Amino acid sequence: MGQRSREELMEEFDLWLRTKFTESFWMGGHRFEKTGAGDVQIDRAPFSVEEARQLFLMLSSRNPITRLNATLIIWDRNGTLVKVLLIAALLLLLLVFIRIRK
């Protein structure tokens, strides 16, 4: 994706933010929706317009680490990251417990 097409994507995103068009759209595997209060929900997590704009830029980046950072920010805001970390911690605790018992 070149710089020109990224700018076009950003223009389309800004246009979506300014219009009354409330249909949601998907970007990088995440769902963007406008709320009645003028904020943006990404995967059911509330974000301000400026935060949503920054996340959109991060998700449209060619850098995989930048896209991963955006995904982690979204997961943190909607609670998925905490659930994933708790499951991982429980699995590690289980592995340690099994290893000690042997």
PDB file of N, CA and C in Angstrom:
ATOM      1  N   MET A   1       0.863  -1.168   0.000  1.00  0.00           N
ATOM      2  CA  MET A   1       0.000   0.000   0.000  1.00  0.00           C
ATOM      3  C   MET A   1       0.906   1.226   0.000  1.00  0.00           C
ATOM      4  N   GLY A   2       0.820   2.053  -1.005  1.00  0.00           N
ATOM      5  CA  GLY A   2       1.657   3.234  -1.110  1.00  0.00           C
ATOM      6  C   GLY A   2       1.130   4.384  -0.278  1.00  0.00           C
ATOM      7  N   GLN A   3       1.934   5.437  -0.230  1.00  0.00           N
ATOM      8  CA  GLN A   3       1.555   6.612   0.552  1.00  0.00           C
ATOM      9  C   GLN A   3       0.283   7.250  -0.001  1.00  0.00           C
ATOM     10  N   ARG A   4       0.123   7.267  -1.299  1.00  0.00           N
ATOM     11  CA  ARG A   4      -1.058   7.887  -1.907  1.00  0.00           C
ATOM     12  C   ARG A   4      -2.333   7.160  -1.486  1.00  0.00           C
ATOM     13  N   SER A   5      -2.331   5.848  -1.523  1.00  0.00           N
ATOM     14  CA  SER A   5      -3.542   5.112  -1.170  1.00  0.00           C
ATOM     15  C   SER A   5      -3.828   5.217   0.334  1.00  0.00           C
ATOM     16  N   ARG A   6      -2.784   5.348   1.138  1.00  0.00           N
ATOM     17  CA  ARG A   6      -3.010   5.532   2.583  1.00  0.00           C
ATOM     18  C   ARG A   6      -3.668   6.884   2.843  1.00  0.00           C
ATOM     19  N   GLU A   7      -3.238   7.902   2.116  1.00  0.00           N
ATOM     20  CA  GLU A   7      -3.870   9.222   2.249  1.00  0.00           C
ATOM     21  C   GLU A   7      -5.321   9.167   1.795  1.00  0.00           C
ATOM     22  N   GLU A   8      -5.585   8.426   0.731  1.00  0.00           N
ATOM     23  CA  GLU A   8      -6.964   8.280   0.264  1.00  0.00           C
ATOM     24  C   GLU A   8      -7.817   7.568   1.312  1.00  0.00           C
ATOM     25  N   LEU A   9      -7.260   6.539   1.933  1.00  0.00           N
ATOM     26  CA  LEU A   9      -7.987   5.846   3.002  1.00  0.00           C
ATOM     27  C   LEU A   9      -8.293   6.793   4.158  1.00  0.00           C
ATOM     28  N   MET A  10      -7.328   7.626   4.512  1.00  0.00           N
ATOM     29  CA  MET A  10      -7.534   8.570   5.615  1.00  0.00           C
ATOM     30  C   MET A  10      -8.603   9.596   5.251  1.00  0.00           C
ATOM     31  N   GLU A  11      -8.622  10.056   4.004  1.00  0.00           N
ATOM     32  CA  GLU A  11      -9.660  10.990   3.555  1.00  0.00           C
ATOM     33  C   GLU A  11     -11.038  10.335   3.631  1.00  0.00           C
ATOM     34  N   GLU A  12     -11.124   9.080   3.209  1.00  0.00           N
ATOM     35  CA  GLU A  12     -12.393   8.373   3.287  1.00  0.00           C
ATOM     36  C   GLU A  12     -12.833   8.180   4.737  1.00  0.00           C
ATOM     37  N   PHE A  13     -11.883   7.907   5.633  1.00  0.00           N
ATOM     38  CA  PHE A  13     -12.213   7.752   7.050  1.00  0.00           C
ATOM     39  C   PHE A  13     -12.706   9.076   7.623  1.00  0.00           C
ATOM     40  N   ASP A  14     -12.031  10.177   7.299  1.00  0.00           N
ATOM     41  CA  ASP A  14     -12.475  11.492   7.773  1.00  0.00           C
ATOM     42  C   ASP A  14     -13.859  11.834   7.221  1.00  0.00           C
ATOM     43  N   LEU A  15     -14.107  11.491   5.974  1.00  0.00           N
ATOM     44  CA  LEU A  15     -15.422  11.713   5.386  1.00  0.00           C
ATOM     45  C   LEU A  15     -16.475  10.906   6.127  1.00  0.00           C
ATOM     46  N   TRP A  16     -16.169   9.653   6.453  1.00  0.00           N
ATOM     47  CA  TRP A  16     -17.085   8.806   7.222  1.00  0.00           C
ATOM     48  C   TRP A  16     -17.363   9.422   8.589  1.00  0.00           C
ATOM     49  N   LEU A  17     -16.343  10.007   9.216  1.00  0.00           N
ATOM     50  CA  LEU A  17     -16.536  10.638  10.526  1.00  0.00           C
ATOM     51  C   LEU A  17     -17.427  11.881  10.444  1.00  0.00           C
ATOM     52  N   ARG A  18     -17.306  12.647   9.368  1.00  0.00           N
ATOM     53  CA  ARG A  18     -18.050  13.906   9.242  1.00  0.00           C
ATOM     54  C   ARG A  18     -19.498  13.716   8.806  1.00  0.00           C
ATOM     55  N   THR A  19     -19.802  12.637   8.135  1.00  0.00           N
ATOM     56  CA  THR A  19     -21.154  12.458   7.602  1.00  0.00           C
ATOM     57  C   THR A  19     -22.062  11.798   8.629  1.00  0.00           C
ATOM     58  N   LYS A  20     -23.337  11.788   8.320  1.00  0.00           N
ATOM     59  CA  LYS A  20     -24.332  11.133   9.167  1.00  0.00           C
ATOM     60  C   LYS A  20     -24.410   9.639   8.877  1.00  0.00           C
ATOM     61  N   PHE A  21     -23.613   9.179   7.921  1.00  0.00           N
ATOM     62  CA  PHE A  21     -23.601   7.770   7.539  1.00  0.00           C
ATOM     63  C   PHE A  21     -23.156   6.946   8.738  1.00  0.00           C
ATOM     64  N   THR A  22     -24.028   6.110   9.267  1.00  0.00           N
ATOM     65  CA  THR A  22     -23.742   5.385  10.507  1.00  0.00           C
ATOM     66  C   THR A  22     -23.382   3.924  10.278  1.00  0.00           C
ATOM     67  N   GLU A  23     -23.327   3.490   9.060  1.00  0.00           N
ATOM     68  CA  GLU A  23     -22.972   2.107   8.789  1.00  0.00           C
ATOM     69  C   GLU A  23     -21.559   1.828   9.294  1.00  0.00           C
ATOM     70  N   SER A  24     -21.371   0.683   9.900  1.00  0.00           N
ATOM     71  CA  SER A  24     -20.044   0.329  10.398  1.00  0.00           C
ATOM     72  C   SER A  24     -19.192  -0.202   9.246  1.00  0.00           C
ATOM     73  N   PHE A  25     -17.893  -0.223   9.468  1.00  0.00           N
ATOM     74  CA  PHE A  25     -17.004  -0.809   8.475  1.00  0.00           C
ATOM     75  C   PHE A  25     -15.863  -1.520   9.176  1.00  0.00           C
ATOM     76  N   TRP A  26     -15.199  -2.373   8.431  1.00  0.00           N
ATOM     77  CA  TRP A  26     -14.109  -3.181   8.965  1.00  0.00           C
ATOM     78  C   TRP A  26     -12.779  -2.671   8.430  1.00  0.00           C
ATOM     79  N   MET A  27     -11.789  -2.599   9.308  1.00  0.00           N
ATOM     80  CA  MET A  27     -10.433  -2.224   8.901  1.00  0.00           C
ATOM     81  C   MET A  27      -9.463  -3.065   9.707  1.00  0.00           C
ATOM     82  N   GLY A  28      -8.660  -3.850   9.046  1.00  0.00           N
ATOM     83  CA  GLY A  28      -7.662  -4.661   9.725  1.00  0.00           C
ATOM     84  C   GLY A  28      -8.257  -5.662  10.693  1.00  0.00           C
ATOM     85  N   GLY A  29      -9.451  -6.159  10.397  1.00  0.00           N
ATOM     86  CA  GLY A  29     -10.096  -7.135  11.263  1.00  0.00           C
ATOM     87  C   GLY A  29     -10.828  -6.529  12.452  1.00  0.00           C
ATOM     88  N   HIS A  30     -10.984  -5.217  12.469  1.00  0.00           N
ATOM     89  CA  HIS A  30     -11.667  -4.533  13.567  1.00  0.00           C
ATOM     90  C   HIS A  30     -12.851  -3.749  13.022  1.00  0.00           C
ATOM     91  N   ARG A  31     -13.925  -3.730  13.787  1.00  0.00           N
ATOM     92  CA  ARG A  31     -15.164  -3.067  13.367  1.00  0.00           C
ATOM     93  C   ARG A  31     -15.248  -1.664  13.957  1.00  0.00           C
ATOM     94  N   PHE A  32     -15.379  -0.681  13.096  1.00  0.00           N
ATOM     95  CA  PHE A  32     -15.531   0.720  13.488  1.00  0.00           C
ATOM     96  C   PHE A  32     -17.006   1.095  13.376  1.00  0.00           C
ATOM     97  N   GLU A  33     -17.565   1.664  14.454  1.00  0.00           N
ATOM     98  CA  GLU A  33     -18.954   2.114  14.466  1.00  0.00           C
ATOM     99  C   GLU A  33     -19.028   3.486  15.133  1.00  0.00           C
ATOM    100  N   LYS A  34     -19.932   4.328  14.646  1.00  0.00           N
ATOM    101  CA  LYS A  34     -20.169   5.616  15.300  1.00  0.00           C
ATOM    102  C   LYS A  34     -21.246   5.453  16.358  1.00  0.00           C
ATOM    103  N   THR A  35     -21.092   6.195  17.459  1.00  0.00           N
ATOM    104  CA  THR A  35     -22.104   6.169  18.514  1.00  0.00           C
ATOM    105  C   THR A  35     -22.963   7.414  18.413  1.00  0.00           C
ATOM    106  N   GLY A  36     -24.039   7.435  19.155  1.00  0.00           N
ATOM    107  CA  GLY A  36     -24.926   8.601  19.169  1.00  0.00           C
ATOM    108  C   GLY A  36     -24.277   9.823  19.784  1.00  0.00           C
ATOM    109  N   ALA A  37     -23.285   9.618  20.655  1.00  0.00           N
ATOM    110  CA  ALA A  37     -22.614  10.730  21.336  1.00  0.00           C
ATOM    111  C   ALA A  37     -21.496  11.343  20.498  1.00  0.00           C
ATOM    112  N   GLY A  38     -21.252  10.815  19.317  1.00  0.00           N
ATOM    113  CA  GLY A  38     -20.220  11.359  18.457  1.00  0.00           C
ATOM    114  C   GLY A  38     -18.876  10.668  18.595  1.00  0.00           C
ATOM    115  N   ASP A  39     -18.796   9.671  19.459  1.00  0.00           N
ATOM    116  CA  ASP A  39     -17.562   8.910  19.593  1.00  0.00           C
ATOM    117  C   ASP A  39     -17.568   7.751  18.603  1.00  0.00           C
ATOM    118  N   VAL A  40     -16.500   6.988  18.626  1.00  0.00           N
ATOM    119  CA  VAL A  40     -16.379   5.841  17.731  1.00  0.00           C
ATOM    120  C   VAL A  40     -16.149   4.605  18.578  1.00  0.00           C
ATOM    121  N   GLN A  41     -16.883   3.546  18.276  1.00  0.00           N
ATOM    122  CA  GLN A  41     -16.658   2.268  18.934  1.00  0.00           C
ATOM    123  C   GLN A  41     -15.866   1.379  17.991  1.00  0.00           C
ATOM    124  N   ILE A  42     -14.805   0.805  18.526  1.00  0.00           N
ATOM    125  CA  ILE A  42     -14.011  -0.147  17.757  1.00  0.00           C
ATOM    126  C   ILE A  42     -14.091  -1.464  18.511  1.00  0.00           C
ATOM    127  N   ASP A  43     -14.685  -2.464  17.892  1.00  0.00           N
ATOM    128  CA  ASP A  43     -14.917  -3.758  18.533  1.00  0.00           C
ATOM    129  C   ASP A  43     -15.617  -3.587  19.880  1.00  0.00           C
ATOM    130  N   ARG A  44     -16.622  -2.747  19.912  1.00  0.00           N
ATOM    131  CA  ARG A  44     -17.462  -2.456  21.088  1.00  0.00           C
ATOM    132  C   ARG A  44     -16.721  -1.732  22.211  1.00  0.00           C
ATOM    133  N   ALA A  45     -15.577  -1.161  21.928  1.00  0.00           N
ATOM    134  CA  ALA A  45     -14.838  -0.378  22.924  1.00  0.00           C
ATOM    135  C   ALA A  45     -14.909   1.095  22.522  1.00  0.00           C
ATOM    136  N   PRO A  46     -15.260   1.979  23.459  1.00  0.00           N
ATOM    137  CA  PRO A  46     -15.402   3.405  23.110  1.00  0.00           C
ATOM    138  C   PRO A  46     -14.048   4.100  22.950  1.00  0.00           C
ATOM    139  N   PHE A  47     -13.939   4.896  21.896  1.00  0.00           N
ATOM    140  CA  PHE A  47     -12.760   5.712  21.618  1.00  0.00           C
ATOM    141  C   PHE A  47     -13.221   7.089  21.185  1.00  0.00           C
ATOM    142  N   SER A  48     -12.411   8.096  21.477  1.00  0.00           N
ATOM    143  CA  SER A  48     -12.711   9.432  20.963  1.00  0.00           C
ATOM    144  C   SER A  48     -12.409   9.440  19.462  1.00  0.00           C
ATOM    145  N   VAL A  49     -12.849  10.480  18.794  1.00  0.00           N
ATOM    146  CA  VAL A  49     -12.638  10.583  17.345  1.00  0.00           C
ATOM    147  C   VAL A  49     -11.148  10.617  17.028  1.00  0.00           C
ATOM    148  N   GLU A  50     -10.378  11.372  17.814  1.00  0.00           N
ATOM    149  CA  GLU A  50      -8.936  11.477  17.558  1.00  0.00           C
ATOM    150  C   GLU A  50      -8.234  10.132  17.803  1.00  0.00           C
ATOM    151  N   GLU A  51      -8.636   9.423  18.854  1.00  0.00           N
ATOM    152  CA  GLU A  51      -8.060   8.102  19.106  1.00  0.00           C
ATOM    153  C   GLU A  51      -8.399   7.136  17.970  1.00  0.00           C
ATOM    154  N   ALA A  52      -9.632   7.190  17.495  1.00  0.00           N
ATOM    155  CA  ALA A  52     -10.042   6.329  16.385  1.00  0.00           C
ATOM    156  C   ALA A  52      -9.256   6.656  15.121  1.00  0.00           C
ATOM    157  N   ARG A  53      -9.006   7.924  14.900  1.00  0.00           N
ATOM    158  CA  ARG A  53      -8.223   8.342  13.730  1.00  0.00           C
ATOM    159  C   ARG A  53      -6.801   7.784  13.822  1.00  0.00           C
ATOM    160  N   GLN A  54      -6.191   7.870  15.007  1.00  0.00           N
ATOM    161  CA  GLN A  54      -4.840   7.338  15.192  1.00  0.00           C
ATOM    162  C   GLN A  54      -4.812   5.816  15.022  1.00  0.00           C
ATOM    163  N   LEU A  55      -5.808   5.139  15.564  1.00  0.00           N
ATOM    164  CA  LEU A  55      -5.867   3.683  15.416  1.00  0.00           C
ATOM    165  C   LEU A  55      -6.082   3.281  13.967  1.00  0.00           C
ATOM    166  N   PHE A  56      -6.884   4.053  13.252  1.00  0.00           N
ATOM    167  CA  PHE A  56      -7.091   3.779  11.828  1.00  0.00           C
ATOM    168  C   PHE A  56      -5.766   3.893  11.074  1.00  0.00           C
ATOM    169  N   LEU A  57      -4.982   4.934  11.393  1.00  0.00           N
ATOM    170  CA  LEU A  57      -3.670   5.091  10.761  1.00  0.00           C
ATOM    171  C   LEU A  57      -2.752   3.915  11.100  1.00  0.00           C
ATOM    172  N   MET A  58      -2.786   3.499  12.351  1.00  0.00           N
ATOM    173  CA  MET A  58      -1.943   2.382  12.759  1.00  0.00           C
ATOM    174  C   MET A  58      -2.355   1.084  12.069  1.00  0.00           C
ATOM    175  N   LEU A  59      -3.653   0.855  11.948  1.00  0.00           N
ATOM    176  CA  LEU A  59      -4.139  -0.369  11.311  1.00  0.00           C
ATOM    177  C   LEU A  59      -3.889  -0.377   9.806  1.00  0.00           C
ATOM    178  N   SER A  60      -3.786   0.787   9.196  1.00  0.00           N
ATOM    179  CA  SER A  60      -3.531   0.850   7.755  1.00  0.00           C
ATOM    180  C   SER A  60      -2.042   0.910   7.433  1.00  0.00           C
ATOM    181  N   SER A  61      -1.198   0.817   8.449  1.00  0.00           N
ATOM    182  CA  SER A  61       0.248   0.860   8.252  1.00  0.00           C
ATOM    183  C   SER A  61       0.750  -0.440   7.626  1.00  0.00           C
ATOM    184  N   ARG A  62       1.873  -0.354   6.941  1.00  0.00           N
ATOM    185  CA  ARG A  62       2.500  -1.543   6.378  1.00  0.00           C
ATOM    186  C   ARG A  62       3.348  -2.264   7.420  1.00  0.00           C
ATOM    187  N   ASN A  63       3.674  -1.587   8.503  1.00  0.00           N
ATOM    188  CA  ASN A  63       4.515  -2.149   9.550  1.00  0.00           C
ATOM    189  C   ASN A  63       3.683  -3.092  10.429  1.00  0.00           C
ATOM    190  N   PRO A  64       4.043  -4.377  10.491  1.00  0.00           N
ATOM    191  CA  PRO A  64       3.240  -5.322  11.280  1.00  0.00           C
ATOM    192  C   PRO A  64       3.280  -5.024  12.780  1.00  0.00           C
ATOM    193  N   ILE A  65       4.351  -4.450  13.276  1.00  0.00           N
ATOM    194  CA  ILE A  65       4.432  -4.127  14.699  1.00  0.00           C
ATOM    195  C   ILE A  65       3.478  -2.985  15.039  1.00  0.00           C
ATOM    196  N   THR A  66       3.340  -2.023  14.156  1.00  0.00           N
ATOM    197  CA  THR A  66       2.394  -0.927  14.355  1.00  0.00           C
ATOM    198  C   THR A  66       0.966  -1.458  14.366  1.00  0.00           C
ATOM    199  N   ARG A  67       0.665  -2.373  13.452  1.00  0.00           N
ATOM    200  CA  ARG A  67      -0.673  -2.978  13.425  1.00  0.00           C
ATOM    201  C   ARG A  67      -0.927  -3.798  14.685  1.00  0.00           C
ATOM    202  N   LEU A  68       0.097  -4.519  15.162  1.00  0.00           N
ATOM    203  CA  LEU A  68      -0.045  -5.284  16.401  1.00  0.00           C
ATOM    204  C   LEU A  68      -0.285  -4.354  17.583  1.00  0.00           C
ATOM    205  N   ASN A  69       0.417  -3.224  17.626  1.00  0.00           N
ATOM    206  CA  ASN A  69       0.202  -2.249  18.698  1.00  0.00           C
ATOM    207  C   ASN A  69      -1.232  -1.740  18.702  1.00  0.00           C
ATOM    208  N   ALA A  70      -1.774  -1.456  17.523  1.00  0.00           N
ATOM    209  CA  ALA A  70      -3.155  -0.992  17.431  1.00  0.00           C
ATOM    210  C   ALA A  70      -4.116  -2.065  17.935  1.00  0.00           C
ATOM    211  N   THR A  71      -3.863  -3.302  17.556  1.00  0.00           N
ATOM    212  CA  THR A  71      -4.714  -4.399  18.007  1.00  0.00           C
ATOM    213  C   THR A  71      -4.653  -4.542  19.524  1.00  0.00           C
ATOM    214  N   LEU A  72      -3.460  -4.429  20.103  1.00  0.00           N
ATOM    215  CA  LEU A  72      -3.329  -4.533  21.560  1.00  0.00           C
ATOM    216  C   LEU A  72      -4.037  -3.389  22.270  1.00  0.00           C
ATOM    217  N   ILE A  73      -3.988  -2.197  21.702  1.00  0.00           N
ATOM    218  CA  ILE A  73      -4.701  -1.053  22.291  1.00  0.00           C
ATOM    219  C   ILE A  73      -6.206  -1.325  22.298  1.00  0.00           C
ATOM    220  N   ILE A  74      -6.722  -1.834  21.194  1.00  0.00           N
ATOM    221  CA  ILE A  74      -8.154  -2.130  21.095  1.00  0.00           C
ATOM    222  C   ILE A  74      -8.523  -3.245  22.064  1.00  0.00           C
ATOM    223  N   TRP A  75      -7.716  -4.296  22.119  1.00  0.00           N
ATOM    224  CA  TRP A  75      -7.986  -5.398  23.045  1.00  0.00           C
ATOM    225  C   TRP A  75      -7.943  -4.926  24.490  1.00  0.00           C
ATOM    226  N   ASP A  76      -7.025  -4.013  24.803  1.00  0.00           N
ATOM    227  CA  ASP A  76      -6.943  -3.488  26.166  1.00  0.00           C
ATOM    228  C   ASP A  76      -8.205  -2.714  26.520  1.00  0.00           C
ATOM    229  N   ARG A  77      -8.677  -1.906  25.598  1.00  0.00           N
ATOM    230  CA  ARG A  77      -9.846  -1.066  25.879  1.00  0.00           C
ATOM    231  C   ARG A  77     -11.121  -1.880  26.010  1.00  0.00           C
ATOM    232  N   ASN A  78     -11.262  -2.973  25.238  1.00  0.00           N
ATOM    233  CA  ASN A  78     -12.510  -3.738  25.333  1.00  0.00           C
ATOM    234  C   ASN A  78     -12.416  -4.940  26.273  1.00  0.00           C
ATOM    235  N   GLY A  79     -11.285  -5.127  26.947  1.00  0.00           N
ATOM    236  CA  GLY A  79     -11.161  -6.164  27.960  1.00  0.00           C
ATOM    237  C   GLY A  79     -10.657  -7.503  27.471  1.00  0.00           C
ATOM    238  N   THR A  80     -10.449  -7.662  26.197  1.00  0.00           N
ATOM    239  CA  THR A  80      -9.984  -8.936  25.658  1.00  0.00           C
ATOM    240  C   THR A  80      -8.557  -9.239  26.102  1.00  0.00           C
ATOM    241  N   LEU A  81      -7.716  -8.229  26.178  1.00  0.00           N
ATOM    242  CA  LEU A  81      -6.323  -8.436  26.553  1.00  0.00           C
ATOM    243  C   LEU A  81      -6.210  -9.002  27.961  1.00  0.00           C
ATOM    244  N   VAL A  82      -7.007  -8.511  28.871  1.00  0.00           N
ATOM    245  CA  VAL A  82      -6.983  -9.014  30.253  1.00  0.00           C
ATOM    246  C   VAL A  82      -7.384 -10.484  30.281  1.00  0.00           C
ATOM    247  N   LYS A  83      -8.410 -10.836  29.521  1.00  0.00           N
ATOM    248  CA  LYS A  83      -8.863 -12.226  29.482  1.00  0.00           C
ATOM    249  C   LYS A  83      -7.789 -13.138  28.902  1.00  0.00           C
ATOM    250  N   VAL A  84      -7.135 -12.703  27.834  1.00  0.00           N
ATOM    251  CA  VAL A  84      -6.070 -13.500  27.215  1.00  0.00           C
ATOM    252  C   VAL A  84      -4.908 -13.676  28.188  1.00  0.00           C
ATOM    253  N   LEU A  85      -4.524 -12.604  28.879  1.00  0.00           N
ATOM    254  CA  LEU A  85      -3.425 -12.700  29.834  1.00  0.00           C
ATOM    255  C   LEU A  85      -3.774 -13.582  31.027  1.00  0.00           C
ATOM    256  N   LEU A  86      -5.014 -13.522  31.497  1.00  0.00           N
ATOM    257  CA  LEU A  86      -5.430 -14.404  32.593  1.00  0.00           C
ATOM    258  C   LEU A  86      -5.393 -15.874  32.183  1.00  0.00           C
ATOM    259  N   ILE A  87      -5.858 -16.171  31.000  1.00  0.00           N
ATOM    260  CA  ILE A  87      -5.825 -17.554  30.502  1.00  0.00           C
ATOM    261  C   ILE A  87      -4.383 -18.025  30.356  1.00  0.00           C
ATOM    262  N   ALA A  88      -3.520 -17.163  29.803  1.00  0.00           N
ATOM    263  CA  ALA A  88      -2.108 -17.530  29.652  1.00  0.00           C
ATOM    264  C   ALA A  88      -1.457 -17.758  31.019  1.00  0.00           C
ATOM    265  N   ALA A  89      -1.771 -16.910  31.998  1.00  0.00           N
ATOM    266  CA  ALA A  89      -1.208 -17.071  33.339  1.00  0.00           C
ATOM    267  C   ALA A  89      -1.682 -18.373  33.981  1.00  0.00           C
ATOM    268  N   LEU A  90      -2.958 -18.701  33.806  1.00  0.00           N
ATOM    269  CA  LEU A  90      -3.479 -19.959  34.355  1.00  0.00           C
ATOM    270  C   LEU A  90      -2.830 -21.175  33.698  1.00  0.00           C
ATOM    271  N   LEU A  91      -2.617 -21.100  32.394  1.00  0.00           N
ATOM    272  CA  LEU A  91      -1.947 -22.207  31.701  1.00  0.00           C
ATOM    273  C   LEU A  91      -0.512 -22.366  32.186  1.00  0.00           C
ATOM    274  N   LEU A  92       0.198 -21.258  32.359  1.00  0.00           N
ATOM    275  CA  LEU A  92       1.563 -21.332  32.875  1.00  0.00           C
ATOM    276  C   LEU A  92       1.595 -21.876  34.300  1.00  0.00           C
ATOM    277  N   LEU A  93       0.648 -21.458  35.111  1.00  0.00           N
ATOM    278  CA  LEU A  93       0.563 -21.970  36.476  1.00  0.00           C
ATOM    279  C   LEU A  93       0.292 -23.476  36.476  1.00  0.00           C
ATOM    280  N   LEU A  94      -0.570 -23.912  35.581  1.00  0.00           N
ATOM    281  CA  LEU A  94      -0.861 -25.336  35.452  1.00  0.00           C
ATOM    282  C   LEU A  94       0.380 -26.109  35.016  1.00  0.00           C
ATOM    283  N   LEU A  95       1.130 -25.572  34.065  1.00  0.00           N
ATOM    284  CA  LEU A  95       2.357 -26.227  33.615  1.00  0.00           C
ATOM    285  C   LEU A  95       3.394 -26.318  34.736  1.00  0.00           C
ATOM    286  N   VAL A  96       3.525 -25.265  35.507  1.00  0.00           N
ATOM    287  CA  VAL A  96       4.455 -25.265  36.640  1.00  0.00           C
ATOM    288  C   VAL A  96       4.006 -26.303  37.661  1.00  0.00           C
ATOM    289  N   PHE A  97       2.744 -26.349  37.943  1.00  0.00           N
ATOM    290  CA  PHE A  97       2.198 -27.309  38.904  1.00  0.00           C
ATOM    291  C   PHE A  97       2.464 -28.745  38.442  1.00  0.00           C
ATOM    292  N   ILE A  98       2.241 -29.031  37.178  1.00  0.00           N
ATOM    293  CA  ILE A  98       2.478 -30.362  36.632  1.00  0.00           C
ATOM    294  C   ILE A  98       3.965 -30.698  36.687  1.00  0.00           C
ATOM    295  N   ARG A  99       4.799 -29.744  36.363  1.00  0.00           N
ATOM    296  CA  ARG A  99       6.254 -29.957  36.368  1.00  0.00           C
ATOM    297  C   ARG A  99       6.760 -30.225  37.796  1.00  0.00           C
ATOM    298  N   ILE A 100       6.234 -29.545  38.781  1.00  0.00           N
ATOM    299  CA  ILE A 100       6.666 -29.735  40.164  1.00  0.00           C
ATOM    300  C   ILE A 100       6.220 -31.103  40.680  1.00  0.00           C
ATOM    301  N   ARG A 101       5.033 -31.538  40.285  1.00  0.00           N
ATOM    302  CA  ARG A 101       4.492 -32.813  40.757  1.00  0.00           C
ATOM    303  C   ARG A 101       5.312 -33.997  40.244  1.00  0.00           C
ATOM    304  N   LYS A 102       5.974 -33.845  39.095  1.00  0.00           N
ATOM    305  CA  LYS A 102       6.769 -34.956  38.545  1.00  0.00           C
ATOM    306  C   LYS A 102       8.039 -34.993  39.240  1.00  0.00           C
TER     307      LYS A 102
END
